[in-house]
């Protein structure tokens, strides 16, 4: 999943577990200890929107549930 690969390059501290709209699990971890976060994407269209405009897409996805 392209979004998970992009996030894996950004995370330096802690870890992020991402479940995509298909239910696949992607774990992105930094090299430093820190918070652990789990995110579930339920809308397949969100994957593309996250890549094109992440700031807007994250806020809208949160509001949409």
N, C-alpha and C. Protein backbone atom coordinates (compact mmCIF):
# COMPACT_ATOMS: atom_id res chain seq x y z
N UNK A 1 0.84 -1.17 0.00
CA UNK A 1 0.00 0.00 0.00
C UNK A 1 0.89 1.24 0.00
N UNK A 2 0.65 2.11 -0.91
CA UNK A 2 1.49 3.29 -1.10
C UNK A 2 1.46 4.22 0.11
N UNK A 3 0.32 4.39 0.72
CA UNK A 3 0.21 5.27 1.90
C UNK A 3 1.08 4.73 3.03
N UNK A 4 1.05 3.44 3.28
CA UNK A 4 1.85 2.83 4.35
C UNK A 4 3.34 3.01 4.08
N UNK A 5 3.74 2.84 2.82
CA UNK A 5 5.17 3.03 2.49
C UNK A 5 5.60 4.47 2.71
N UNK A 6 4.74 5.42 2.37
CA UNK A 6 5.06 6.83 2.57
C UNK A 6 5.16 7.14 4.07
N UNK A 7 4.24 6.60 4.86
CA UNK A 7 4.27 6.84 6.31
C UNK A 7 5.48 6.19 6.96
N UNK A 8 5.88 5.04 6.46
CA UNK A 8 7.04 4.34 7.04
C UNK A 8 8.30 5.19 6.94
N UNK A 9 8.41 5.98 5.89
CA UNK A 9 9.58 6.85 5.74
C UNK A 9 9.53 8.05 6.67
N UNK A 10 8.35 8.43 7.12
CA UNK A 10 8.19 9.61 7.96
C UNK A 10 8.30 9.33 9.45
N UNK A 11 7.96 8.14 9.88
CA UNK A 11 7.89 7.83 11.31
C UNK A 11 9.29 7.53 11.84
N UNK A 12 9.71 8.29 12.82
CA UNK A 12 11.03 8.12 13.42
C UNK A 12 10.92 7.66 14.88
N UNK A 13 9.82 8.02 15.55
CA UNK A 13 9.63 7.72 16.96
C UNK A 13 8.31 6.97 17.14
N UNK A 14 8.32 5.90 17.91
CA UNK A 14 7.11 5.15 18.15
C UNK A 14 6.74 4.26 16.98
N UNK A 15 5.47 3.89 16.92
CA UNK A 15 5.03 3.02 15.82
C UNK A 15 3.59 3.33 15.44
N UNK A 16 3.27 3.03 14.20
CA UNK A 16 1.93 3.22 13.66
C UNK A 16 1.50 1.90 13.04
N UNK A 17 0.35 1.41 13.48
CA UNK A 17 -0.26 0.24 12.86
C UNK A 17 -1.43 0.76 12.05
N UNK A 18 -1.42 0.47 10.77
CA UNK A 18 -2.43 0.97 9.85
C UNK A 18 -3.19 -0.20 9.25
N UNK A 19 -4.51 -0.19 9.41
CA UNK A 19 -5.37 -1.17 8.76
C UNK A 19 -6.02 -0.47 7.58
N UNK A 20 -5.78 -0.97 6.38
CA UNK A 20 -6.35 -0.32 5.20
C UNK A 20 -7.80 -0.76 5.00
N UNK A 21 -8.44 -0.22 3.99
CA UNK A 21 -9.87 -0.49 3.76
C UNK A 21 -10.14 -1.95 3.43
N UNK A 22 -9.13 -2.69 3.02
CA UNK A 22 -9.28 -4.13 2.75
C UNK A 22 -9.05 -4.99 3.99
N UNK A 23 -8.63 -4.34 5.08
CA UNK A 23 -8.37 -5.06 6.31
C UNK A 23 -6.94 -5.53 6.47
N UNK A 24 -6.07 -5.17 5.52
CA UNK A 24 -4.66 -5.55 5.62
C UNK A 24 -3.97 -4.69 6.66
N UNK A 25 -3.09 -5.30 7.41
CA UNK A 25 -2.37 -4.62 8.49
C UNK A 25 -0.98 -4.22 8.00
N UNK A 26 -0.61 -2.96 8.25
CA UNK A 26 0.70 -2.44 7.89
C UNK A 26 1.29 -1.80 9.16
N UNK A 27 2.49 -2.19 9.53
CA UNK A 27 3.14 -1.65 10.72
C UNK A 27 4.33 -0.82 10.30
N UNK A 28 4.35 0.41 10.74
CA UNK A 28 5.44 1.35 10.46
C UNK A 28 6.04 1.73 11.80
N UNK A 29 7.31 1.45 11.98
CA UNK A 29 7.93 1.74 13.26
C UNK A 29 9.19 2.56 13.13
N UNK A 30 9.36 3.45 14.05
CA UNK A 30 10.57 4.26 14.09
C UNK A 30 11.66 3.55 14.85
N UNK A 31 12.83 4.15 14.88
CA UNK A 31 13.96 3.56 15.58
C UNK A 31 14.00 3.97 17.05
N UNK A 32 13.26 4.99 17.42
CA UNK A 32 13.24 5.47 18.80
C UNK A 32 11.93 5.05 19.47
N UNK A 33 11.98 4.76 20.78
CA UNK A 33 10.75 4.40 21.49
C UNK A 33 9.81 5.60 21.55
N UNK A 34 8.52 5.30 21.61
CA UNK A 34 7.55 6.38 21.68
C UNK A 34 6.14 5.82 21.65
N UNK A 35 5.17 6.68 21.40
CA UNK A 35 3.78 6.24 21.41
C UNK A 35 3.48 5.24 20.30
N UNK A 36 2.50 4.38 20.58
CA UNK A 36 2.01 3.42 19.58
C UNK A 36 0.60 3.84 19.19
N UNK A 37 0.36 3.95 17.91
CA UNK A 37 -0.92 4.43 17.39
C UNK A 37 -1.47 3.41 16.40
N UNK A 38 -2.79 3.21 16.44
CA UNK A 38 -3.45 2.34 15.47
C UNK A 38 -4.51 3.16 14.74
N UNK A 39 -4.51 3.06 13.41
CA UNK A 39 -5.45 3.79 12.56
C UNK A 39 -6.11 2.80 11.63
N UNK A 40 -7.43 2.93 11.47
CA UNK A 40 -8.17 2.07 10.56
C UNK A 40 -8.81 2.94 9.49
N UNK A 41 -8.47 2.67 8.23
CA UNK A 41 -9.06 3.38 7.10
C UNK A 41 -10.23 2.54 6.59
N UNK A 42 -11.42 3.11 6.54
CA UNK A 42 -12.60 2.34 6.15
C UNK A 42 -13.06 2.64 4.73
N UNK A 43 -12.62 3.74 4.16
CA UNK A 43 -13.05 4.15 2.83
C UNK A 43 -11.91 3.95 1.84
N UNK A 44 -12.08 3.08 0.83
CA UNK A 44 -11.01 2.86 -0.14
C UNK A 44 -10.58 4.13 -0.88
N UNK A 45 -11.48 5.07 -1.07
CA UNK A 45 -11.13 6.32 -1.76
C UNK A 45 -10.19 7.19 -0.92
N UNK A 46 -10.17 6.94 0.36
CA UNK A 46 -9.32 7.74 1.25
C UNK A 46 -7.84 7.53 0.98
N UNK A 47 -7.46 6.35 0.54
CA UNK A 47 -6.05 6.07 0.26
C UNK A 47 -5.49 7.10 -0.73
N UNK A 48 -6.20 7.32 -1.80
CA UNK A 48 -5.75 8.27 -2.82
C UNK A 48 -5.78 9.70 -2.30
N UNK A 49 -6.84 10.04 -1.59
CA UNK A 49 -6.95 11.41 -1.06
C UNK A 49 -5.84 11.71 -0.06
N UNK A 50 -5.43 10.72 0.70
CA UNK A 50 -4.33 10.93 1.65
C UNK A 50 -3.02 11.27 0.95
N UNK A 51 -2.81 10.69 -0.20
CA UNK A 51 -1.59 10.98 -0.94
C UNK A 51 -1.63 12.34 -1.62
N UNK A 52 -2.81 12.73 -2.10
CA UNK A 52 -2.94 13.99 -2.84
C UNK A 52 -2.99 15.22 -1.94
N UNK A 53 -3.72 15.12 -0.84
CA UNK A 53 -3.88 16.26 0.05
C UNK A 53 -4.04 15.74 1.48
N UNK A 54 -2.95 15.32 2.11
CA UNK A 54 -3.06 14.65 3.41
C UNK A 54 -3.66 15.50 4.53
N UNK A 55 -3.35 16.78 4.56
CA UNK A 55 -3.87 17.62 5.64
C UNK A 55 -5.40 17.70 5.59
N UNK A 56 -5.95 17.89 4.43
CA UNK A 56 -7.40 17.97 4.28
C UNK A 56 -8.05 16.60 4.46
N UNK A 57 -7.45 15.56 3.89
CA UNK A 57 -8.03 14.23 3.94
C UNK A 57 -8.11 13.68 5.35
N UNK A 58 -7.08 13.91 6.16
CA UNK A 58 -7.08 13.40 7.54
C UNK A 58 -8.21 14.05 8.34
N UNK A 59 -8.35 15.35 8.23
CA UNK A 59 -9.41 16.05 8.96
C UNK A 59 -10.80 15.61 8.52
N UNK A 60 -11.01 15.51 7.23
CA UNK A 60 -12.32 15.09 6.72
C UNK A 60 -12.62 13.65 7.10
N UNK A 61 -11.62 12.77 7.02
CA UNK A 61 -11.84 11.37 7.39
C UNK A 61 -12.18 11.24 8.87
N UNK A 62 -11.54 12.02 9.70
CA UNK A 62 -11.83 12.00 11.14
C UNK A 62 -13.27 12.44 11.40
N UNK A 63 -13.68 13.50 10.74
CA UNK A 63 -15.05 14.01 10.92
C UNK A 63 -16.09 13.03 10.39
N UNK A 64 -15.74 12.31 9.33
CA UNK A 64 -16.67 11.33 8.74
C UNK A 64 -16.74 10.03 9.54
N UNK A 65 -15.83 9.87 10.46
CA UNK A 65 -15.84 8.67 11.30
C UNK A 65 -15.03 7.58 10.73
